[in-house]
Amino acid sequence: MLAVNIILLIVGFIVVGTEFGFRTVYCCVLISLSTRLLEMICPLFAPLTTLPLLEMIFAISLSGLGAAILFHYGASTGGTDIVAMILKKYLKTNISKVLFAVDCIIVMLTYFVFGMETWLLCILGMTTKILVLNNMLERLNSSKYFTIVTTEGEAVLYYITNELHKGATISDSFCGGFSNDGKSVILTVLSRRNALFVKNYVKSVDPQAFVIVSTTSDIIGKGFRECI
């Protein structure tokens, strides 16, 4: 594992960048040492159970979860993950789609080496991993988008910018369709934790406020992704 990763890491350093490279080096060394340590502590000479499908589900789901966390922080555990990151840089597409394409090539070859049963399990496992990876990346990158219509615009804006230290946009001089009262519309994007604080604060200062909250994971701008 370490020998193959060294070759891929060199390419990753050159193509993706030093920050990705150093993080991946750390993860590669850690996983290689951890694997070696586990081989010494609890060596396995046979599968844990007699149910290959059950083992595949757990193995793929856990590895997909781990890969999603590493991709979120701009790192990987090496192997095909490095290849996927390199291709993602040039293809400008979703990392899960690139990883699926890379893994497809490897999975297709398993038929000639391990036979039909293993090949079918590999296809099922690969699909499961991509679904887990894509879902986890969406969750890790997700934030809450707020549209707040309130008569207490300045108070809400002050709370977001000064108490939570987050950005927001306010538009004044709107009239409510039923009440004809002066309203302010505030737009902001917050983490899930801060979203709860804002909802509670808005309710406390303006119980009649109209608040629309939606989940988004594709955000470009300061504090989020800096480019498309």
Protein backbone atom coordinates (compact mmCIF):
# COMPACT_ATOMS: atom_id res chain seq x y z
CA MET A 1 0.00 0.00 0.00
CA LEU A 2 2.74 2.43 0.98
CA ALA A 3 4.84 1.67 -2.11
CA VAL A 4 1.98 2.28 -4.54
CA ASN A 5 0.90 5.41 -2.67
CA ILE A 6 4.39 6.94 -2.88
CA ILE A 7 4.21 6.96 -6.67
CA LEU A 8 0.71 8.44 -6.68
CA LEU A 9 1.66 10.98 -3.99
CA ILE A 10 4.48 12.36 -6.12
CA VAL A 11 2.02 12.92 -8.94
CA GLY A 12 -0.51 14.39 -6.49
CA PHE A 13 2.06 16.86 -5.13
CA ILE A 14 2.85 18.07 -8.64
CA VAL A 15 -0.69 18.25 -9.99
CA VAL A 16 -3.04 18.98 -7.07
CA GLY A 17 -0.72 20.98 -4.79
CA THR A 18 1.43 20.79 -1.68
CA GLU A 19 -1.39 21.30 0.83
CA PHE A 20 -3.29 18.30 -0.54
CA GLY A 21 -0.02 16.37 -0.76
CA PHE A 22 1.04 16.89 2.86
CA ARG A 23 -2.42 16.03 4.19
CA THR A 24 -2.50 12.89 2.06
CA VAL A 25 1.01 11.88 3.16
CA TYR A 26 -0.14 12.08 6.76
CA CYS A 27 -3.24 9.97 6.02
CA CYS A 28 -1.31 7.41 3.95
CA VAL A 29 1.33 6.89 6.62
CA LEU A 30 -1.33 6.70 9.31
CA ILE A 31 -3.46 4.13 7.47
CA SER A 32 -0.43 2.03 6.51
CA LEU A 33 0.87 1.96 10.09
CA SER A 34 -2.62 1.34 11.46
CA THR A 35 -3.13 -1.58 9.08
CA ARG A 36 0.22 -3.06 10.07
CA LEU A 37 -0.56 -2.59 13.77
CA LEU A 38 -3.95 -4.28 13.41
CA GLU A 39 -2.32 -7.17 11.54
CA MET A 40 -0.06 -7.70 14.57
CA ILE A 41 -2.73 -7.23 17.25
CA CYS A 42 -5.59 -9.18 15.69
CA PRO A 43 -4.43 -11.04 12.58
CA LEU A 44 -7.18 -12.34 10.31
CA PHE A 45 -6.79 -15.64 8.49
CA ALA A 46 -10.37 -15.84 7.26
CA PRO A 47 -13.43 -13.59 6.83
CA LEU A 48 -15.11 -12.41 10.03
CA THR A 49 -18.43 -14.01 9.05
CA THR A 50 -19.82 -16.43 6.50
CA LEU A 51 -21.89 -13.63 4.90
CA PRO A 52 -19.86 -11.77 2.25
CA LEU A 53 -22.73 -9.34 1.56
CA LEU A 54 -22.90 -8.28 5.21
CA GLU A 55 -19.14 -7.70 5.39
CA MET A 56 -19.20 -5.79 2.11
CA ILE A 57 -21.93 -3.42 3.34
CA PHE A 58 -20.03 -2.52 6.51
CA ALA A 59 -16.64 -2.26 4.80
CA ILE A 60 -17.88 -0.07 1.97
CA SER A 61 -20.11 2.15 4.14
CA LEU A 62 -17.34 2.87 6.65
CA SER A 63 -14.73 3.53 3.97
CA GLY A 64 -17.17 5.80 2.11
CA LEU A 65 -17.80 7.78 5.29
CA GLY A 66 -14.07 8.14 5.94
CA ALA A 67 -13.35 9.18 2.33
CA ALA A 68 -16.06 11.84 2.48
CA ILE A 69 -14.58 13.39 5.64
CA LEU A 70 -11.09 13.45 4.08
CA PHE A 71 -12.31 14.93 0.77
CA HIS A 72 -14.16 17.60 2.75
CA TYR A 73 -10.86 18.71 4.31
CA GLY A 74 -8.86 18.45 1.07
CA ALA A 75 -7.05 15.19 1.75
CA SER A 76 -7.29 11.50 0.87
CA THR A 77 -5.99 8.10 1.93
CA GLY A 78 -4.10 7.63 -1.34
CA GLY A 79 -4.72 5.04 -4.01
CA THR A 80 -7.57 5.75 -6.41
CA ASP A 81 -8.59 8.74 -4.27
CA ILE A 82 -5.49 10.58 -5.51
CA VAL A 83 -6.30 9.68 -9.11
CA ALA A 84 -9.85 10.98 -8.57
CA MET A 85 -8.59 14.28 -7.12
CA ILE A 86 -6.22 14.76 -10.06
CA LEU A 87 -8.98 14.11 -12.61
CA LYS A 88 -11.41 16.34 -10.67
CA LYS A 89 -9.01 19.26 -11.03
CA TYR A 90 -9.07 19.06 -14.81
CA LEU A 91 -12.59 17.76 -15.43
CA LYS A 92 -14.22 20.27 -13.04
CA THR A 93 -16.86 17.80 -11.90
CA ASN A 94 -18.19 16.20 -8.73
CA ILE A 95 -15.56 14.13 -6.88
CA SER A 96 -17.97 11.22 -6.41
CA LYS A 97 -18.53 10.97 -10.18
CA VAL A 98 -14.79 10.96 -10.85
CA LEU A 99 -14.17 8.34 -8.16
CA PHE A 100 -16.97 6.22 -9.62
CA ALA A 101 -15.36 6.34 -13.06
CA VAL A 102 -11.91 5.42 -11.67
CA ASP A 103 -13.29 2.56 -9.56
CA CYS A 104 -15.31 1.26 -12.52
CA ILE A 105 -12.10 0.41 -14.38
CA ILE A 106 -10.74 -1.56 -11.42
CA VAL A 107 -14.04 -3.31 -10.74
CA MET A 108 -14.35 -4.44 -14.35
CA LEU A 109 -10.99 -6.20 -14.05
CA THR A 110 -12.06 -8.20 -10.97
CA TYR A 111 -14.22 -10.43 -13.13
CA PHE A 112 -11.18 -11.92 -14.85
CA VAL A 113 -9.32 -12.44 -11.55
CA PHE A 114 -11.93 -13.45 -8.94
CA GLY A 115 -14.94 -14.64 -10.92
CA MET A 116 -18.61 -13.73 -11.28
CA GLU A 117 -19.71 -13.73 -7.62
CA THR A 118 -16.94 -11.40 -6.44
CA TRP A 119 -17.44 -9.21 -9.51
CA LEU A 120 -21.14 -8.71 -8.74
CA LEU A 121 -20.36 -7.95 -5.10
CA CYS A 122 -17.75 -5.41 -6.22
CA ILE A 123 -20.27 -3.65 -8.46
CA LEU A 124 -22.78 -3.51 -5.61
CA GLY A 125 -20.10 -2.33 -3.18
CA MET A 126 -18.82 0.36 -5.53
CA THR A 127 -22.33 1.73 -6.06
CA THR A 128 -22.98 1.73 -2.31
CA LYS A 129 -19.72 3.55 -1.60
CA ILE A 130 -20.50 6.27 -4.14
CA LEU A 131 -23.98 6.79 -2.68
CA VAL A 132 -22.56 7.03 0.86
CA LEU A 133 -19.74 9.33 -0.28
CA ASN A 134 -22.03 11.65 -2.23
CA ASN A 135 -24.58 11.83 0.57
CA MET A 136 -21.95 12.54 3.23
CA LEU A 137 -20.23 15.22 1.14
CA GLU A 138 -23.59 16.95 0.66
CA ARG A 139 -24.18 16.86 4.41
CA LEU A 140 -20.67 18.04 5.33
CA ASN A 141 -20.83 20.92 2.83
CA SER A 142 -24.43 21.87 3.59
CA SER A 143 -25.46 25.15 5.16
CA LYS A 144 -28.75 26.87 5.88
CA TYR A 145 -29.91 29.68 3.59
CA PHE A 146 -32.18 32.22 5.31
CA THR A 147 -34.68 34.68 3.87
CA ILE A 148 -36.01 36.69 6.80
CA VAL A 149 -38.88 39.18 6.38
CA THR A 150 -39.15 41.22 9.57
CA THR A 151 -39.93 44.60 11.07
CA GLU A 152 -36.82 44.27 13.26
CA GLY A 153 -34.30 44.16 10.44
CA GLU A 154 -31.58 46.20 12.13
CA ALA A 155 -31.71 44.12 15.32
CA VAL A 156 -31.53 40.83 13.42
CA LEU A 157 -28.72 42.13 11.20
CA TYR A 158 -26.75 43.30 14.26
CA TYR A 159 -27.15 39.88 15.88
CA ILE A 160 -25.92 38.02 12.79
CA THR A 161 -22.94 40.29 12.07
CA ASN A 162 -21.81 41.17 15.59
CA GLU A 163 -22.87 38.23 17.77
CA LEU A 164 -22.35 35.40 15.28
CA HIS A 165 -19.73 37.24 13.17
CA LYS A 166 -21.34 36.16 9.90
CA GLY A 167 -22.21 38.11 6.79
CA ALA A 168 -25.71 39.13 5.74
CA THR A 169 -27.48 41.32 3.18
CA ILE A 170 -30.42 43.56 4.10
CA SER A 171 -32.98 45.31 1.90
CA ASP A 172 -35.32 47.88 3.45
CA SER A 173 -38.54 49.68 2.51
CA PHE A 174 -40.65 46.64 1.68
CA CYS A 175 -44.32 46.55 2.60
CA GLY A 176 -46.18 43.51 3.79
CA GLY A 177 -48.89 42.42 1.37
CA PHE A 178 -51.56 42.17 4.06
CA SER A 179 -50.43 44.62 6.73
CA ASN A 180 -48.73 47.28 4.54
CA ASP A 181 -46.19 47.68 7.36
CA GLY A 182 -42.57 48.51 6.60
CA LYS A 183 -40.49 45.37 6.33
CA SER A 184 -36.84 44.43 5.91
CA VAL A 185 -35.61 41.39 4.01
CA ILE A 186 -32.38 39.79 5.26
CA LEU A 187 -30.45 37.18 3.28
CA THR A 188 -27.75 35.10 4.94
CA VAL A 189 -26.11 31.65 4.85
CA LEU A 190 -25.21 29.99 8.14
CA SER A 191 -24.02 26.72 9.59
CA ARG A 192 -26.57 24.36 11.11
CA ARG A 193 -25.52 25.39 14.62
CA ASN A 194 -25.82 29.13 13.95
CA ALA A 195 -29.08 28.56 12.09
CA LEU A 196 -30.71 27.41 15.32
CA PHE A 197 -29.49 30.53 17.14
CA VAL A 198 -30.88 32.84 14.44
CA LYS A 199 -34.27 31.13 14.36
CA ASN A 200 -34.62 31.48 18.13
CA TYR A 201 -33.45 35.12 18.09
CA VAL A 202 -35.79 36.18 15.28
CA LYS A 203 -38.70 34.54 17.09
CA SER A 204 -37.83 36.42 20.30
CA VAL A 205 -37.60 39.92 18.73
CA ASP A 206 -40.33 39.55 16.10
CA PRO A 207 -42.82 36.71 16.61
CA GLN A 208 -44.60 37.77 13.39
CA ALA A 209 -41.47 37.50 11.24
CA PHE A 210 -41.67 35.39 8.09
CA VAL A 211 -38.61 33.11 7.83
CA ILE A 212 -37.75 30.79 4.94
CA VAL A 213 -34.94 28.29 5.60
CA SER A 214 -33.54 25.98 2.94
CA THR A 215 -30.54 23.66 2.80
CA THR A 216 -27.80 24.33 0.27
CA SER A 217 -24.36 22.84 -0.34
CA ASP A 218 -23.18 24.81 -3.38
CA ILE A 219 -22.10 28.19 -2.00
CA ILE A 220 -19.50 30.46 -3.59
CA GLY A 221 -18.07 33.51 -1.82
CA LYS A 222 -16.07 34.65 1.17
CA GLY A 223 -16.13 32.09 3.96
CA PHE A 224 -17.19 29.34 1.58
CA ARG A 225 -15.82 28.27 -1.80
CA GLU A 226 -13.81 31.07 -3.42
CA CYS A 227 -14.43 30.04 -7.02
CA ILE A 228 -16.75 28.02 -9.24
